[in-house]
Amino acid sequence: MEILVATMILSICFLGLANIFVAATRKIAHSRYQMVAAELSKFWLEPFHSDVRQDILNTTCLGGGACPGVINYDGVAYTPIFTRSDFVMVGGQKVYKIRLTIDWNEL
């Protein structure tokens, strides 16, 4: 009887450790997805850093041009979503705020 109780207690402890391992593995994978998305955001935002002139803003993807599309990395599809705020006057110039949101489906 004592061996049965000890085996039950030991199996419950191992089950708890297995749950901790699975949760830690998911957290590490999520952190990796976030790091990849952060690196890809540099790629997607670079055209806006290079071409910030008002006369060409409407030719970018925010004005109806073609935005960079989905990038697949290690079997995960990262999708950019660009939004542009209304302009604010700063020093006599129109300034827009561009927001980039990246979506992905975790495995």
C-alpha atoms as a PDB file:
ATOM      1  CA  MET A   1       0.000   0.000   0.000  1.00  0.00           C
ATOM      2  CA  GLU A   2       2.827   2.391   0.868  1.00  0.00           C
ATOM      3  CA  ILE A   3       4.484   1.741  -2.474  1.00  0.00           C
ATOM      4  CA  LEU A   4       1.228   2.520  -4.281  1.00  0.00           C
ATOM      5  CA  VAL A   5       0.810   5.840  -2.433  1.00  0.00           C
ATOM      6  CA  ALA A   6       4.463   6.754  -3.043  1.00  0.00           C
ATOM      7  CA  THR A   7       4.089   5.938  -6.745  1.00  0.00           C
ATOM      8  CA  MET A   8       0.962   8.127  -6.971  1.00  0.00           C
ATOM      9  CA  ILE A   9       2.689  11.068  -5.284  1.00  0.00           C
ATOM     10  CA  LEU A  10       5.730  10.663  -7.515  1.00  0.00           C
ATOM     11  CA  SER A  11       3.597  10.501 -10.678  1.00  0.00           C
ATOM     12  CA  ILE A  12       1.701  13.671  -9.665  1.00  0.00           C
ATOM     13  CA  CYS A  13       5.033  15.458  -9.172  1.00  0.00           C
ATOM     14  CA  PHE A  14       6.269  14.337 -12.588  1.00  0.00           C
ATOM     15  CA  LEU A  15       3.016  15.449 -14.183  1.00  0.00           C
ATOM     16  CA  GLY A  16       3.489  18.916 -12.670  1.00  0.00           C
ATOM     17  CA  LEU A  17       7.061  19.065 -13.957  1.00  0.00           C
ATOM     18  CA  ALA A  18       5.895  18.031 -17.423  1.00  0.00           C
ATOM     19  CA  ASN A  19       3.347  20.883 -17.435  1.00  0.00           C
ATOM     20  CA  ILE A  20       6.046  23.350 -16.442  1.00  0.00           C
ATOM     21  CA  PHE A  21       8.253  22.052 -19.267  1.00  0.00           C
ATOM     22  CA  VAL A  22       5.454  22.423 -21.852  1.00  0.00           C
ATOM     23  CA  ALA A  23       4.615  25.964 -20.667  1.00  0.00           C
ATOM     24  CA  ALA A  24       8.285  26.978 -20.770  1.00  0.00           C
ATOM     25  CA  THR A  25       8.664  25.552 -24.287  1.00  0.00           C
ATOM     26  CA  ARG A  26       5.639  27.557 -25.485  1.00  0.00           C
ATOM     27  CA  LYS A  27       6.981  30.740 -23.863  1.00  0.00           C
ATOM     28  CA  ILE A  28      10.370  30.293 -25.523  1.00  0.00           C
ATOM     29  CA  ALA A  29       8.720  29.716 -28.906  1.00  0.00           C
ATOM     30  CA  HIS A  30       6.525  32.815 -28.454  1.00  0.00           C
ATOM     31  CA  SER A  31       9.582  34.905 -27.582  1.00  0.00           C
ATOM     32  CA  ARG A  32      11.298  33.620 -30.718  1.00  0.00           C
ATOM     33  CA  TYR A  33       8.296  34.594 -32.862  1.00  0.00           C
ATOM     34  CA  GLN A  34       8.389  38.078 -31.334  1.00  0.00           C
ATOM     35  CA  MET A  35      12.102  38.450 -32.075  1.00  0.00           C
ATOM     36  CA  VAL A  36      11.626  37.372 -35.695  1.00  0.00           C
ATOM     37  CA  ALA A  37       8.710  39.824 -36.045  1.00  0.00           C
ATOM     38  CA  ALA A  38      10.853  42.638 -34.627  1.00  0.00           C
ATOM     39  CA  GLU A  39      13.609  41.919 -37.141  1.00  0.00           C
ATOM     40  CA  LEU A  40      11.131  41.729 -40.015  1.00  0.00           C
ATOM     41  CA  SER A  41       9.635  45.062 -38.966  1.00  0.00           C
ATOM     42  CA  LYS A  42      12.972  46.675 -39.832  1.00  0.00           C
ATOM     43  CA  PHE A  43      12.637  45.281 -43.349  1.00  0.00           C
ATOM     44  CA  TRP A  44       9.042  46.493 -43.719  1.00  0.00           C
ATOM     45  CA  LEU A  45       9.698  49.971 -42.304  1.00  0.00           C
ATOM     46  CA  GLU A  46      12.945  50.660 -44.178  1.00  0.00           C
ATOM     47  CA  PRO A  47      11.221  52.031 -47.313  1.00  0.00           C
ATOM     48  CA  PHE A  48       9.508  54.665 -45.172  1.00  0.00           C
ATOM     49  CA  HIS A  49      12.805  55.724 -43.622  1.00  0.00           C
ATOM     50  CA  SER A  50      14.356  56.094 -47.053  1.00  0.00           C
ATOM     51  CA  ASP A  51      11.485  57.950 -48.737  1.00  0.00           C
ATOM     52  CA  VAL A  52       9.926  60.380 -46.302  1.00  0.00           C
ATOM     53  CA  ARG A  53       9.099  63.149 -48.751  1.00  0.00           C
ATOM     54  CA  GLN A  54       5.487  64.302 -48.878  1.00  0.00           C
ATOM     55  CA  ASP A  55       5.354  64.268 -52.683  1.00  0.00           C
ATOM     56  CA  ILE A  56       6.016  60.511 -52.850  1.00  0.00           C
ATOM     57  CA  LEU A  57       4.102  59.422 -49.733  1.00  0.00           C
ATOM     58  CA  ASN A  58       0.983  58.643 -51.741  1.00  0.00           C
ATOM     59  CA  THR A  59       2.979  56.313 -54.022  1.00  0.00           C
ATOM     60  CA  THR A  60       3.960  54.103 -51.094  1.00  0.00           C
ATOM     61  CA  CYS A  61       1.787  51.286 -49.861  1.00  0.00           C
ATOM     62  CA  LEU A  62       0.064  53.663 -47.451  1.00  0.00           C
ATOM     63  CA  GLY A  63      -1.197  55.700 -50.384  1.00  0.00           C
ATOM     64  CA  GLY A  64      -2.409  52.768 -52.419  1.00  0.00           C
ATOM     65  CA  GLY A  65       0.853  51.309 -53.669  1.00  0.00           C
ATOM     66  CA  ALA A  66       1.973  47.747 -53.033  1.00  0.00           C
ATOM     67  CA  CYS A  67       3.127  47.027 -49.490  1.00  0.00           C
ATOM     68  CA  PRO A  68       5.628  44.269 -48.825  1.00  0.00           C
ATOM     69  CA  GLY A  69       3.607  41.122 -48.338  1.00  0.00           C
ATOM     70  CA  VAL A  70       3.655  38.109 -46.111  1.00  0.00           C
ATOM     71  CA  ILE A  71       7.033  36.616 -45.232  1.00  0.00           C
ATOM     72  CA  ASN A  72       7.304  32.941 -44.303  1.00  0.00           C
ATOM     73  CA  TYR A  73      10.083  32.120 -41.874  1.00  0.00           C
ATOM     74  CA  ASP A  74      10.531  28.623 -40.411  1.00  0.00           C
ATOM     75  CA  GLY A  75       7.015  27.674 -41.433  1.00  0.00           C
ATOM     76  CA  VAL A  76       5.368  30.697 -39.799  1.00  0.00           C
ATOM     77  CA  ALA A  77       3.685  33.378 -41.935  1.00  0.00           C
ATOM     78  CA  TYR A  78       4.293  36.933 -40.698  1.00  0.00           C
ATOM     79  CA  THR A  79       1.756  39.411 -42.077  1.00  0.00           C
ATOM     80  CA  PRO A  80       2.334  43.202 -41.895  1.00  0.00           C
ATOM     81  CA  ILE A  81      -0.569  45.602 -41.350  1.00  0.00           C
ATOM     82  CA  PHE A  82       0.228  49.281 -41.965  1.00  0.00           C
ATOM     83  CA  THR A  83      -1.873  52.197 -40.733  1.00  0.00           C
ATOM     84  CA  ARG A  84      -1.256  55.914 -41.169  1.00  0.00           C
ATOM     85  CA  SER A  85      -2.582  58.576 -38.819  1.00  0.00           C
ATOM     86  CA  ASP A  86      -3.841  61.970 -39.889  1.00  0.00           C
ATOM     87  CA  PHE A  87      -1.047  64.463 -40.285  1.00  0.00           C
ATOM     88  CA  VAL A  88       0.123  66.893 -37.634  1.00  0.00           C
ATOM     89  CA  MET A  89       1.848  70.164 -38.490  1.00  0.00           C
ATOM     90  CA  VAL A  90       5.392  70.267 -37.122  1.00  0.00           C
ATOM     91  CA  GLY A  91       7.567  73.205 -38.086  1.00  0.00           C
ATOM     92  CA  GLY A  92       5.335  73.971 -41.064  1.00  0.00           C
ATOM     93  CA  GLN A  93       5.583  70.393 -42.357  1.00  0.00           C
ATOM     94  CA  LYS A  94       2.955  67.662 -42.436  1.00  0.00           C
ATOM     95  CA  VAL A  95       4.059  64.749 -40.269  1.00  0.00           C
ATOM     96  CA  TYR A  96       2.331  61.351 -40.337  1.00  0.00           C
ATOM     97  CA  LYS A  97       2.590  58.561 -37.814  1.00  0.00           C
ATOM     98  CA  ILE A  98       2.956  55.116 -39.355  1.00  0.00           C
ATOM     99  CA  ARG A  99       2.024  52.109 -37.250  1.00  0.00           C
ATOM    100  CA  LEU A 100       3.097  48.612 -38.182  1.00  0.00           C
ATOM    101  CA  THR A 101       1.357  45.627 -36.642  1.00  0.00           C
ATOM    102  CA  ILE A 102       2.616  42.142 -37.407  1.00  0.00           C
ATOM    103  CA  ASP A 103       0.354  39.092 -37.148  1.00  0.00           C
ATOM    104  CA  TRP A 104       1.419  35.479 -37.122  1.00  0.00           C
ATOM    105  CA  ASN A 105      -0.040  32.109 -36.185  1.00  0.00           C
ATOM    106  CA  GLU A 106       1.963  30.234 -33.627  1.00  0.00           C
ATOM    107  CA  LEU A 107       2.577  26.571 -34.232  1.00  0.00           C
END
